[in-house]
Amino acid sequence: MDQTTAAARGIDPTQPHPARRYNYWLGGKDNFAADRASGDELERLFPKVRLGALANRALLQRATRFLAAEAGIHQFLDIGTGLPTADNTHEVAQRHEPNSRIVYVDNDPLVMVHARALLNSSPEGRTAYIEADLNDPGAILAHPVLHDTLDLRQPVALMLIAVLHFIHGDGAAKPVVGRLLDALPSGSYLVATHATSDFGTPEQQALYRQLVEQGKSDVWTRPRDEFADLFEGLELVEPGVVPASEWRPEEGAVIPERSDINVWTAVGRKP
């Protein structure tokens, strides 16, 4: 999509957006110069950031496979969908459970344009899309598309992959997660990943705080304890809270240094 068409659709191509920057790091083509410039600047300062994005994407696929193939979950609420790429949530889920139903949510109009064009459900299942913001969980939960697609009386996997760190402020993410989980029944799951500065040097941590204060980064990193607190009251699935690359890795996978990933991950079941 060129910039003129993007502007006509209400998309500002001059401002970087996390979904398009993530798409750029993953090797996609659905991004603009501003997104690439933002991605390059962060990668210049933190050379391993692209590895973290790739590990995060691979985690989404492994966790979805676990939920569909082992945990018996057939409904997914994926908030912060991002731009379509290989093995999206519905593709992995429906590969194991063709009747799986998935609702994608994102606040970038470009994501919705591509989602409607590229994300096709299996005949037995269903895929739907909502343009909404994680900061307003009430609007997501009240949306008629959600209730038309998912049965909230039955377990749902709440997928919050690389999105909670766009909620700024100490302790600010927990009320949002709690509001969403409260609407889901027993047997539902929370899958979350979150950027962290825990593994950086003191100099890197100070630099990152400065970037956030200057508005040069939109990612609000959180330490392990605050991330783990999002799963309060849930039954953690082994191996618990670990970096993305260490959550049930593929057999024979080479596990990178934690400082190369900088992404916490956990999966929890609502009792």
Protein backbone atom coordinates (compact mmCIF):
# COMPACT_ATOMS: atom_id res chain seq x y z
CA MET A 1 0.00 0.00 0.00
CA ASP A 2 1.43 3.39 -0.99
CA GLN A 3 1.33 6.41 1.32
CA THR A 4 -1.46 8.14 -0.61
CA THR A 5 -3.73 5.11 -0.33
CA ALA A 6 -2.79 4.69 3.32
CA ALA A 7 -3.72 8.29 4.10
CA ALA A 8 -7.06 7.84 2.34
CA ARG A 9 -7.78 4.88 4.66
CA GLY A 10 -7.05 6.93 7.76
CA ILE A 11 -3.54 5.55 8.24
CA ASP A 12 -0.73 8.00 9.05
CA PRO A 13 2.34 6.61 7.26
CA THR A 14 4.59 9.30 8.73
CA GLN A 15 4.20 7.98 12.28
CA PRO A 16 5.77 4.62 13.20
CA HIS A 17 3.36 1.98 14.48
CA PRO A 18 4.37 -1.03 16.60
CA ALA A 19 2.57 -3.57 14.37
CA ARG A 20 4.28 -2.30 11.23
CA ARG A 21 7.68 -2.03 12.94
CA TYR A 22 7.29 -5.62 14.16
CA ASN A 23 6.38 -6.63 10.61
CA TYR A 24 9.60 -5.01 9.40
CA TRP A 25 11.71 -6.88 11.97
CA LEU A 26 10.09 -10.15 10.91
CA GLY A 27 11.05 -9.50 7.30
CA GLY A 28 7.60 -8.40 6.12
CA LYS A 29 6.77 -5.75 3.53
CA ASP A 30 3.71 -4.16 5.15
CA ASN A 31 5.47 -1.13 6.60
CA PHE A 32 6.43 2.43 5.76
CA ALA A 33 9.66 4.42 5.89
CA ALA A 34 8.81 5.76 9.35
CA ASP A 35 8.38 2.23 10.68
CA ARG A 36 11.68 1.10 9.20
CA ALA A 37 13.48 4.15 10.55
CA SER A 38 12.09 3.52 14.03
CA GLY A 39 13.04 -0.16 13.82
CA ASP A 40 16.55 0.64 12.59
CA GLU A 41 17.12 3.19 15.34
CA LEU A 42 16.10 0.75 18.06
CA GLU A 43 18.19 -1.99 16.47
CA ARG A 44 21.19 0.34 16.33
CA LEU A 45 20.91 0.98 20.05
CA PHE A 46 19.89 -2.59 20.93
CA PRO A 47 21.36 -4.87 18.23
CA LYS A 48 19.51 -8.02 19.40
CA VAL A 49 16.00 -6.55 19.26
CA ARG A 50 15.17 -8.36 16.03
CA LEU A 51 16.08 -11.70 17.64
CA GLY A 52 13.57 -10.93 20.37
CA ALA A 53 10.86 -10.28 17.78
CA LEU A 54 11.57 -13.58 16.04
CA ALA A 55 11.60 -15.49 19.35
CA ASN A 56 8.32 -13.85 20.31
CA ARG A 57 6.68 -14.92 17.05
CA ALA A 58 7.91 -18.49 17.42
CA LEU A 59 6.54 -18.56 20.97
CA LEU A 60 3.09 -17.55 19.70
CA GLN A 61 3.11 -20.56 17.41
CA ARG A 62 4.29 -23.03 20.07
CA ALA A 63 1.83 -21.77 22.67
CA THR A 64 -1.07 -21.89 20.21
CA ARG A 65 -0.15 -25.45 19.29
CA PHE A 66 -0.07 -26.42 22.97
CA LEU A 67 -3.49 -24.88 23.58
CA ALA A 68 -5.17 -26.46 20.55
CA ALA A 69 -3.45 -29.84 20.54
CA GLU A 70 -2.93 -30.50 24.27
CA ALA A 71 -5.17 -28.22 26.31
CA GLY A 72 -8.32 -28.67 24.23
CA ILE A 73 -8.86 -24.96 23.59
CA HIS A 74 -10.92 -24.15 20.49
CA GLN A 75 -11.53 -20.42 21.05
CA PHE A 76 -8.91 -17.66 20.89
CA LEU A 77 -9.07 -13.93 21.59
CA ASP A 78 -5.86 -12.51 20.09
CA ILE A 79 -5.40 -8.85 21.04
CA GLY A 80 -2.60 -6.92 19.38
CA THR A 81 -2.75 -9.15 16.35
CA GLY A 82 -0.17 -7.40 14.23
CA LEU A 83 0.12 -7.78 10.49
CA PRO A 84 -0.47 -11.24 8.97
CA THR A 85 2.58 -13.40 8.39
CA ALA A 86 3.26 -17.13 8.29
CA ASP A 87 1.48 -19.34 10.84
CA ASN A 88 -0.90 -16.87 12.41
CA THR A 89 -2.90 -17.94 15.47
CA HIS A 90 -5.85 -19.28 13.48
CA GLU A 91 -3.63 -21.24 11.08
CA VAL A 92 -1.83 -23.04 13.90
CA ALA A 93 -5.01 -23.61 15.93
CA GLN A 94 -7.10 -24.83 12.99
CA ARG A 95 -4.33 -27.14 11.85
CA HIS A 96 -4.90 -29.10 15.06
CA GLU A 97 -8.57 -28.26 15.70
CA PRO A 98 -10.26 -27.25 12.41
CA ASN A 99 -13.34 -26.00 14.28
CA SER A 100 -11.33 -23.40 16.21
CA ARG A 101 -12.72 -19.88 16.35
CA ILE A 102 -10.47 -16.85 16.56
CA VAL A 103 -11.19 -13.17 17.12
CA TYR A 104 -8.33 -10.84 16.24
CA VAL A 105 -8.14 -7.35 17.74
CA ASP A 106 -5.84 -4.49 16.75
CA ASN A 107 -5.96 -0.71 16.68
CA ASP A 108 -4.08 -0.14 13.41
CA PRO A 109 -6.37 0.27 10.37
CA LEU A 110 -3.64 -1.23 8.15
CA VAL A 111 -3.77 -4.43 10.18
CA MET A 112 -7.51 -4.66 9.60
CA VAL A 113 -7.13 -4.05 5.86
CA HIS A 114 -4.67 -6.93 5.53
CA ALA A 115 -6.45 -9.17 8.02
CA ARG A 116 -9.69 -9.15 6.08
CA ALA A 117 -7.83 -9.86 2.84
CA LEU A 118 -5.39 -12.52 4.03
CA LEU A 119 -6.70 -14.30 7.10
CA ASN A 120 -9.14 -16.94 5.94
CA SER A 121 -10.69 -19.47 8.29
CA SER A 122 -11.03 -23.18 7.78
CA PRO A 123 -14.53 -24.21 6.64
CA GLU A 124 -15.25 -25.76 10.04
CA GLY A 125 -14.01 -22.81 12.11
CA ARG A 126 -14.34 -19.07 12.01
CA THR A 127 -12.11 -16.00 12.08
CA ALA A 128 -13.28 -12.47 12.87
CA TYR A 129 -11.69 -9.06 13.36
CA ILE A 130 -12.30 -6.11 15.66
CA GLU A 131 -10.63 -2.73 15.38
CA ALA A 132 -10.20 -1.70 19.01
CA ASP A 133 -7.58 -0.74 21.60
CA LEU A 134 -6.32 -2.90 24.46
CA ASN A 135 -6.52 0.18 26.68
CA ASP A 136 -10.31 -0.09 26.44
CA PRO A 137 -11.04 -3.72 27.37
CA GLY A 138 -14.69 -2.90 27.97
CA ALA A 139 -15.17 -1.96 24.32
CA ILE A 140 -13.58 -5.24 23.22
CA LEU A 141 -15.72 -7.31 25.55
CA ALA A 142 -18.91 -5.53 24.52
CA HIS A 143 -18.27 -5.76 20.80
CA PRO A 144 -21.00 -7.72 18.98
CA VAL A 145 -18.45 -9.44 16.72
CA LEU A 146 -16.83 -11.00 19.78
CA HIS A 147 -20.12 -12.43 21.02
CA ASP A 148 -21.14 -13.53 17.56
CA THR A 149 -17.91 -15.51 17.13
CA LEU A 150 -16.94 -16.82 20.57
CA ASP A 151 -19.01 -18.46 23.28
CA LEU A 152 -17.75 -16.82 26.47
CA ARG A 153 -19.42 -19.55 28.52
CA GLN A 154 -16.74 -21.92 27.20
CA PRO A 155 -12.95 -21.64 27.75
CA VAL A 156 -11.10 -19.06 25.71
CA ALA A 157 -7.37 -18.49 25.22
CA LEU A 158 -6.57 -14.82 25.76
CA MET A 159 -3.48 -14.10 23.66
CA LEU A 160 -1.58 -10.94 24.66
CA ILE A 161 1.56 -11.33 22.61
CA ALA A 162 3.98 -8.39 22.66
CA VAL A 163 1.19 -5.91 23.34
CA LEU A 164 1.05 -5.26 27.09
CA HIS A 165 4.28 -3.27 26.98
CA PHE A 166 2.42 -0.56 25.06
CA ILE A 167 0.44 0.14 28.23
CA HIS A 168 2.62 2.66 30.03
CA GLY A 169 2.94 3.06 33.77
CA ASP A 170 3.95 0.95 36.74
CA GLY A 171 1.15 -1.49 37.52
CA ALA A 172 -0.99 -0.20 34.64
CA ALA A 173 -1.22 -3.49 32.74
CA LYS A 174 -2.69 -5.61 35.53
CA PRO A 175 -6.15 -3.96 35.67
CA VAL A 176 -6.52 -4.39 31.91
CA VAL A 177 -5.59 -8.06 32.04
CA GLY A 178 -7.83 -8.57 35.06
CA ARG A 179 -10.81 -7.00 33.32
CA LEU A 180 -10.40 -9.35 30.36
CA LEU A 181 -9.84 -12.46 32.46
CA ASP A 182 -12.85 -11.69 34.65
CA ALA A 183 -15.05 -12.02 31.55
CA LEU A 184 -13.72 -15.50 30.72
CA PRO A 185 -14.85 -18.76 32.33
CA SER A 186 -12.93 -21.36 34.30
CA GLY A 187 -10.61 -23.36 32.08
CA SER A 188 -9.58 -20.33 30.02
CA TYR A 189 -5.92 -19.52 29.47
CA LEU A 190 -3.78 -16.41 29.41
CA VAL A 191 -0.75 -16.37 27.11
CA ALA A 192 1.41 -13.26 27.40
CA THR A 193 4.82 -12.05 26.35
CA HIS A 194 6.38 -8.81 27.48
CA ALA A 195 9.54 -6.83 26.77
CA THR A 196 11.89 -6.46 29.72
CA SER A 197 15.12 -4.70 30.58
CA ASP A 198 15.98 -7.28 33.24
CA PHE A 199 18.85 -8.77 31.26
CA GLY A 200 20.43 -5.51 30.12
CA THR A 201 23.47 -3.88 31.64
CA PRO A 202 22.88 -0.89 33.94
CA GLU A 203 24.01 1.34 31.06
CA GLN A 204 21.51 -0.25 28.66
CA GLN A 205 18.71 0.05 31.22
CA ALA A 206 19.48 3.74 31.75
CA LEU A 207 19.59 4.34 28.01
CA TYR A 208 16.24 2.68 27.53
CA ARG A 209 14.60 4.74 30.27
CA GLN A 210 15.95 7.84 28.55
CA LEU A 211 14.49 6.77 25.19
CA VAL A 212 11.06 6.28 26.77
CA GLU A 213 11.22 9.64 28.53
CA GLN A 214 12.17 11.32 25.25
CA GLY A 215 9.34 9.61 23.38
CA LYS A 216 11.76 7.72 21.15
CA SER A 217 10.45 4.32 22.26
CA ASP A 218 6.82 3.34 22.83
CA VAL A 219 7.69 0.12 24.69
CA TRP A 220 7.31 0.24 28.49
CA THR A 221 9.46 -2.61 29.77
CA ARG A 222 8.51 -4.43 32.96
CA PRO A 223 10.55 -6.56 35.37
CA ARG A 224 9.85 -10.23 36.01
CA ASP A 225 7.94 -9.71 39.25
CA GLU A 226 5.49 -7.26 37.69
CA PHE A 227 5.01 -9.50 34.67
CA ALA A 228 4.50 -12.58 36.86
CA ASP A 229 1.91 -10.66 38.89
CA LEU A 230 -0.30 -10.54 35.79
CA PHE A 231 -0.82 -14.29 36.33
CA GLU A 232 -1.91 -13.97 39.96
CA GLY A 233 -4.62 -16.53 40.67
CA LEU A 234 -3.85 -18.58 37.56
CA GLU A 235 -2.23 -22.00 37.37
CA LEU A 236 1.06 -21.55 35.54
CA VAL A 237 1.86 -24.08 32.84
CA GLU A 238 5.39 -25.48 33.06
CA PRO A 239 8.04 -24.12 32.75
CA GLY A 240 6.41 -21.02 34.27
CA VAL A 241 7.78 -17.53 33.72
CA VAL A 242 10.75 -17.75 31.36
CA PRO A 243 12.17 -15.91 28.34
CA ALA A 244 10.25 -16.55 25.12
CA SER A 245 12.92 -18.84 23.68
CA GLU A 246 12.84 -21.06 26.81
CA TRP A 247 9.10 -21.81 26.89
CA ARG A 248 8.80 -25.39 25.59
CA PRO A 249 11.38 -24.95 22.81
CA GLU A 250 11.45 -27.26 19.82
CA GLU A 251 13.56 -30.35 20.29
CA GLY A 252 17.16 -29.59 19.43
CA ALA A 253 16.61 -25.83 19.34
CA VAL A 254 19.60 -23.64 20.19
CA ILE A 255 18.61 -21.45 23.14
CA PRO A 256 20.06 -17.94 22.85
CA GLU A 257 21.35 -15.87 25.73
CA ARG A 258 18.59 -14.24 27.76
CA SER A 259 20.11 -10.84 27.04
CA ASP A 260 19.55 -11.54 23.32
CA ILE A 261 15.80 -12.03 23.80
CA ASN A 262 14.64 -9.66 26.58
CA VAL A 263 11.06 -11.00 26.44
CA TRP A 264 9.30 -12.65 29.39
CA THR A 265 6.71 -15.33 28.63
CA ALA A 266 4.15 -17.32 30.59
CA VAL A 267 1.00 -19.36 30.06
CA GLY A 268 -1.58 -19.68 32.83
CA ARG A 269 -4.92 -21.48 33.27
CA LYS A 270 -7.87 -19.91 35.05
CA PRO A 271 -9.06 -22.39 37.69
